[in-house]
Structures are given as C-alpha cells and as structure tokens.
C-alpha atoms as a PDB file:
ATOM      1  CA  UNK A   1     109.966  99.117 122.027  1.00  0.00           C
ATOM      2  CA  UNK A   2     108.251 102.459 122.269  1.00  0.00           C
ATOM      3  CA  UNK A   3     106.134 103.969 120.161  1.00  0.00           C
ATOM      4  CA  UNK A   4     103.950 107.068 119.554  1.00  0.00           C
ATOM      5  CA  UNK A   5     100.914 108.238 118.428  1.00  0.00           C
ATOM      6  CA  UNK A   6     101.475 109.879 114.870  1.00  0.00           C
ATOM      7  CA  UNK A   7      97.889 109.189 113.234  1.00  0.00           C
ATOM      8  CA  UNK A   8      94.073 107.780 113.483  1.00  0.00           C
ATOM      9  CA  UNK A   9      91.520 107.384 111.044  1.00  0.00           C
ATOM     10  CA  UNK A  10      88.555 105.297 110.696  1.00  0.00           C
ATOM     11  CA  UNK A  11      88.160 102.094 108.892  1.00  0.00           C
ATOM     12  CA  UNK A  12      84.947  99.790 107.770  1.00  0.00           C
ATOM     13  CA  UNK A  13      85.569  95.944 107.809  1.00  0.00           C
ATOM     14  CA  UNK A  14      82.490  94.070 107.121  1.00  0.00           C
ATOM     15  CA  UNK A  15      80.291  96.831 107.766  1.00  0.00           C
ATOM     16  CA  UNK A  16      81.510  97.323 110.918  1.00  0.00           C
ATOM     17  CA  UNK A  17      83.557 100.766 111.009  1.00  0.00           C
ATOM     18  CA  UNK A  18      86.423 100.928 113.557  1.00  0.00           C
ATOM     19  CA  UNK A  19      88.922 103.441 114.597  1.00  0.00           C
ATOM     20  CA  UNK A  20      92.826 102.395 113.908  1.00  0.00           C
ATOM     21  CA  UNK A  21      95.557 104.471 115.889  1.00  0.00           C
ATOM     22  CA  UNK A  22      98.970 104.547 114.270  1.00  0.00           C
ATOM     23  CA  UNK A  23     102.362 104.437 115.743  1.00  0.00           C
ATOM     24  CA  UNK A  24     105.451 105.350 115.175  1.00  0.00           C
ATOM     25  CA  UNK A  25     108.043 103.215 116.924  1.00  0.00           C
ATOM     26  CA  UNK A  26     110.673 105.450 118.271  1.00  0.00           C
ATOM     27  CA  UNK A  27     112.830 103.525 120.847  1.00  0.00           C
ATOM     28  CA  UNK A  28     113.982  99.800 119.703  1.00  0.00           C
ATOM     29  CA  UNK A  29     117.652  97.841 119.645  1.00  0.00           C
ATOM     30  CA  UNK A  30     118.610  96.694 116.201  1.00  0.00           C
ATOM     31  CA  UNK A  31     117.592  93.071 117.282  1.00  0.00           C
ATOM     32  CA  UNK A  32     114.124  94.274 118.101  1.00  0.00           C
ATOM     33  CA  UNK A  33     113.972  96.159 114.686  1.00  0.00           C
ATOM     34  CA  UNK A  34     114.830  92.960 112.592  1.00  0.00           C
ATOM     35  CA  UNK A  35     112.504  90.928 114.911  1.00  0.00           C
ATOM     36  CA  UNK A  36     109.860  93.211 114.258  1.00  0.00           C
ATOM     37  CA  UNK A  37     110.399  93.331 110.494  1.00  0.00           C
ATOM     38  CA  UNK A  38     110.239  89.382 110.143  1.00  0.00           C
ATOM     39  CA  UNK A  39     107.168  89.335 111.862  1.00  0.00           C
ATOM     40  CA  UNK A  40     105.020  91.913 110.472  1.00  0.00           C
ATOM     41  CA  UNK A  41     106.240  90.825 106.844  1.00  0.00           C
ATOM     42  CA  UNK A  42     104.507  92.040 103.612  1.00  0.00           C
ATOM     43  CA  UNK A  43     102.447  94.077 106.117  1.00  0.00           C
ATOM     44  CA  UNK A  44     105.909  96.112 107.816  1.00  0.00           C
ATOM     45  CA  UNK A  45     105.410  99.815 106.826  1.00  0.00           C
ATOM     46  CA  UNK A  46     107.633 103.057 107.901  1.00  0.00           C
ATOM     47  CA  UNK A  47     106.702 106.489 107.747  1.00  0.00           C
ATOM     48  CA  UNK A  48     108.354 109.289 105.695  1.00  0.00           C
ATOM     49  CA  UNK A  49     111.442 109.472 108.474  1.00  0.00           C
ATOM     50  CA  UNK A  50     112.392 105.640 108.146  1.00  0.00           C
ATOM     51  CA  UNK A  51     110.282 104.694 111.484  1.00  0.00           C
ATOM     52  CA  UNK A  52     108.540 101.327 111.300  1.00  0.00           C
ATOM     53  CA  UNK A  53     105.066 101.589 112.025  1.00  0.00           C
ATOM     54  CA  UNK A  54     102.750  99.641 114.175  1.00  0.00           C
ATOM     55  CA  UNK A  55      98.564  99.491 114.124  1.00  0.00           C
ATOM     56  CA  UNK A  56      95.605  99.171 116.619  1.00  0.00           C
ATOM     57  CA  UNK A  57      92.110  99.443 117.084  1.00  0.00           C
ATOM     58  CA  UNK A  58      92.785  99.861 120.786  1.00  0.00           C
ATOM     59  CA  UNK A  59      90.997 102.725 122.222  1.00  0.00           C
ATOM     60  CA  UNK A  60      92.648 102.718 125.330  1.00  0.00           C
ATOM     61  CA  UNK A  61      96.505 102.363 124.094  1.00  0.00           C
ATOM     62  CA  UNK A  62      97.219 105.868 124.910  1.00  0.00           C
ATOM     63  CA  UNK A  63      99.576 108.678 123.026  1.00  0.00           C
ATOM     64  CA  UNK A  64     102.782 106.932 123.996  1.00  0.00           C
ATOM     65  CA  UNK A  65     102.728 102.645 124.032  1.00  0.00           C
ATOM     66  CA  UNK A  66     105.199 100.012 124.605  1.00  0.00           C
ATOM     67  CA  UNK A  67     105.363  96.860 122.469  1.00  0.00           C
ATOM     68  CA  UNK A  68     106.432  93.414 123.190  1.00  0.00           C
ATOM     69  CA  UNK A  69     107.231  90.090 121.653  1.00  0.00           C
ATOM     70  CA  UNK A  70     105.158  86.911 122.971  1.00  0.00           C
ATOM     71  CA  UNK A  71     107.106  83.875 124.441  1.00  0.00           C
ATOM     72  CA  UNK A  72     108.723  82.648 121.251  1.00  0.00           C
ATOM     73  CA  UNK A  73     109.105  85.816 119.311  1.00  0.00           C
ATOM     74  CA  UNK A  74     106.324  84.973 116.765  1.00  0.00           C
ATOM     75  CA  UNK A  75     104.146  88.300 117.481  1.00  0.00           C
ATOM     76  CA  UNK A  76     104.296  91.609 118.286  1.00  0.00           C
ATOM     77  CA  UNK A  77     101.275  93.321 120.939  1.00  0.00           C
ATOM     78  CA  UNK A  78     100.730  95.604 123.212  1.00  0.00           C
ATOM     79  CA  UNK A  79     101.817  96.036 126.508  1.00  0.00           C
ATOM     80  CA  UNK A  80      99.053  97.851 128.216  1.00  0.00           C
ATOM     81  CA  UNK A  81      98.902  97.768 132.008  1.00  0.00           C
ATOM     82  CA  UNK A  82      96.201 100.404 132.017  1.00  0.00           C
ATOM     83  CA  UNK A  83      93.745  98.184 129.909  1.00  0.00           C
ATOM     84  CA  UNK A  84      94.733  94.993 132.007  1.00  0.00           C
ATOM     85  CA  UNK A  85      93.972  96.627 135.383  1.00  0.00           C
ATOM     86  CA  UNK A  86      90.501  97.766 133.992  1.00  0.00           C
ATOM     87  CA  UNK A  87      89.729  94.064 133.076  1.00  0.00           C
ATOM     88  CA  UNK A  88      91.113  93.059 136.645  1.00  0.00           C
ATOM     89  CA  UNK A  89      88.164  95.483 138.252  1.00  0.00           C
ATOM     90  CA  UNK A  90      85.555  94.020 135.881  1.00  0.00           C
ATOM     91  CA  UNK A  91      86.349  90.722 136.988  1.00  0.00           C
ATOM     92  CA  UNK A  92      87.105  91.641 140.393  1.00  0.00           C
ATOM     93  CA  UNK A  93      83.205  92.922 140.427  1.00  0.00           C
ATOM     94  CA  UNK A  94      81.671  90.771 138.414  1.00  0.00           C
ATOM     95  CA  UNK A  95      80.906  93.132 135.447  1.00  0.00           C
ATOM     96  CA  UNK A  96      81.304  93.540 132.092  1.00  0.00           C
ATOM     97  CA  UNK A  97      84.311  95.340 130.479  1.00  0.00           C
ATOM     98  CA  UNK A  98      81.399  97.566 128.937  1.00  0.00           C
ATOM     99  CA  UNK A  99      79.670  98.253 132.187  1.00  0.00           C
ATOM    100  CA  UNK A 100      82.967  99.486 134.123  1.00  0.00           C
ATOM    101  CA  UNK A 101      83.872 101.432 131.226  1.00  0.00           C
ATOM    102  CA  UNK A 102      79.871 102.854 130.961  1.00  0.00           C
ATOM    103  CA  UNK A 103      80.177 103.406 134.877  1.00  0.00           C
ATOM    104  CA  UNK A 104      83.615 105.468 134.735  1.00  0.00           C
ATOM    105  CA  UNK A 105      82.418 107.479 131.838  1.00  0.00           C
ATOM    106  CA  UNK A 106      79.273 108.239 133.447  1.00  0.00           C
ATOM    107  CA  UNK A 107      81.136 109.194 136.628  1.00  0.00           C
ATOM    108  CA  UNK A 108      83.635 111.134 134.342  1.00  0.00           C
ATOM    109  CA  UNK A 109      81.191 113.324 132.848  1.00  0.00           C
ATOM    110  CA  UNK A 110      78.416 113.937 135.372  1.00  0.00           C
ATOM    111  CA  UNK A 111      81.868 115.153 137.811  1.00  0.00           C
ATOM    112  CA  UNK A 112      82.603 117.632 134.378  1.00  0.00           C
ATOM    113  CA  UNK A 113      79.164 118.789 134.278  1.00  0.00           C
ATOM    114  CA  UNK A 114      78.313 119.217 137.866  1.00  0.00           C
ATOM    115  CA  UNK A 115      75.870 116.517 138.052  1.00  0.00           C
ATOM    116  CA  UNK A 116      75.110 114.511 141.321  1.00  0.00           C
ATOM    117  CA  UNK A 117      74.138 110.966 141.134  1.00  0.00           C
ATOM    118  CA  UNK A 118      73.319 108.391 137.985  1.00  0.00           C
ATOM    119  CA  UNK A 119      72.621 109.480 134.823  1.00  0.00           C
ATOM    120  CA  UNK A 120      69.730 108.389 133.308  1.00  0.00           C
ATOM    121  CA  UNK A 121      70.789 105.564 130.254  1.00  0.00           C
ATOM    122  CA  UNK A 122      68.235 107.576 127.848  1.00  0.00           C
ATOM    123  CA  UNK A 123      67.945 111.569 128.420  1.00  0.00           C
ATOM    124  CA  UNK A 124      65.198 113.007 127.145  1.00  0.00           C
ATOM    125  CA  UNK A 125      65.656 114.668 123.560  1.00  0.00           C
ATOM    126  CA  UNK A 126      65.827 118.572 124.003  1.00  0.00           C
ATOM    127  CA  UNK A 127      62.674 120.524 122.861  1.00  0.00           C
ATOM    128  CA  UNK A 128      63.897 122.490 119.532  1.00  0.00           C
ATOM    129  CA  UNK A 129      64.327 125.855 120.656  1.00  0.00           C
ATOM    130  CA  UNK A 130      62.652 128.532 117.850  1.00  0.00           C
ATOM    131  CA  UNK A 131      64.371 131.292 116.814  1.00  0.00           C
ATOM    132  CA  UNK A 132      62.749 134.802 117.246  1.00  0.00           C
ATOM    133  CA  UNK A 133      62.602 137.221 114.200  1.00  0.00           C
ATOM    134  CA  UNK A 134      64.167 140.340 114.982  1.00  0.00           C
ATOM    135  CA  UNK A 135      61.341 143.171 115.527  1.00  0.00           C
ATOM    136  CA  UNK A 136      61.775 145.865 112.037  1.00  0.00           C
ATOM    137  CA  UNK A 137      61.411 149.345 112.564  1.00  0.00           C
ATOM    138  CA  UNK A 138      61.002 151.829 110.133  1.00  0.00           C
ATOM    139  CA  UNK A 139      63.235 155.463 109.998  1.00  0.00           C
ATOM    140  CA  UNK A 140      62.343 158.244 108.085  1.00  0.00           C
ATOM    141  CA  UNK A 141      66.261 159.032 108.690  1.00  0.00           C
ATOM    142  CA  UNK A 142      68.639 157.250 105.828  1.00  0.00           C
ATOM    143  CA  UNK A 143      72.090 158.029 108.035  1.00  0.00           C
ATOM    144  CA  UNK A 144      71.544 157.632 111.867  1.00  0.00           C
ATOM    145  CA  UNK A 145      74.393 159.082 112.322  1.00  0.00           C
ATOM    146  CA  UNK A 146      73.573 162.417 110.736  1.00  0.00           C
ATOM    147  CA  UNK A 147      74.218 165.208 112.916  1.00  0.00           C
ATOM    148  CA  UNK A 148      76.398 163.693 115.200  1.00  0.00           C
ATOM    149  CA  UNK A 149      80.089 164.602 115.476  1.00  0.00           C
ATOM    150  CA  UNK A 150      83.092 162.903 116.973  1.00  0.00           C
ATOM    151  CA  UNK A 151      82.564 165.196 120.084  1.00  0.00           C
ATOM    152  CA  UNK A 152      79.380 163.038 120.781  1.00  0.00           C
ATOM    153  CA  UNK A 153      81.264 160.040 121.323  1.00  0.00           C
ATOM    154  CA  UNK A 154      81.829 159.525 125.744  1.00  0.00           C
ATOM    155  CA  UNK A 155      85.247 158.366 125.364  1.00  0.00           C
END
C-alpha cells in the first residue's frame, strides 16, 4: 500500500512532545484495505475524501511511504528502506543512530553554511546588537520639498 503525507501535528504524551505524521493511503487493493481496517479496529480513521489514514511519529518516513503487513497479517508497519540503511551504517561503524544522524546533519549544514571542518558541539551565544538611535536634525522648513518642481526630478 502506498500513502502520501497530508498533515503533521505535535502531541504530548506523559510530558514528552512528539511530532505525528498523518498519511492518506492512496494505493491499495480492496483486500488490503479490508485487512487494514480490521487491524486498526477502533483506531481506523478516514479523511474527508474517504481515504484511510495512517499515523507515525517516524521523522524519517518521507512525503510518500509504503506500508506492509507483517508475516501473519496482524500488524501494519512502515516499510522504510532509508531508515534501515542508516541503521545498518550505524551498526557497521559501531555508532549510535543519534551520532550518525548528528554527524550527517552537521556535514549537511556545514556545507550549506560554507563551514569547513567540524562544528563545535556548543557554539558561543551571539553578542547582543545595540540598535542605534537615528540622529534628529531640526529643520526650520516645514515642507522639505517646497520650491521644487517636477522639472527638478532627474528622470
């Protein structure tokens, strides 16, 4: 089954805030839809157009996803090859997933910002900028354009 991202929102569970990603299932057989509905039970929801909805809190899912059933058709899960590849890289290099993603993001933002080398873990806070007050000039002339005509404009 294929689905497309339709909405995101934040939700708090036990004091922890998470982002929820909502997908509308756009491509599935009648058999798959019936099975999906039976698995979701009271949590089954549809959008305004009658398309079944799927929720995940996985930030690596993407804009379009593929859903699949487990071996005995009792659960639906996100088929996410890119996440599996990242996990394999982390396992191969012996780093935690957080470290791998942090390193990748650091490299991407470093390239974006044209920064060479490593970005320090803690950056110093920027110093506050003081706004300068404009200099007030007193004028004896109430109309600054008095005496000028359209002929004085150079264009």
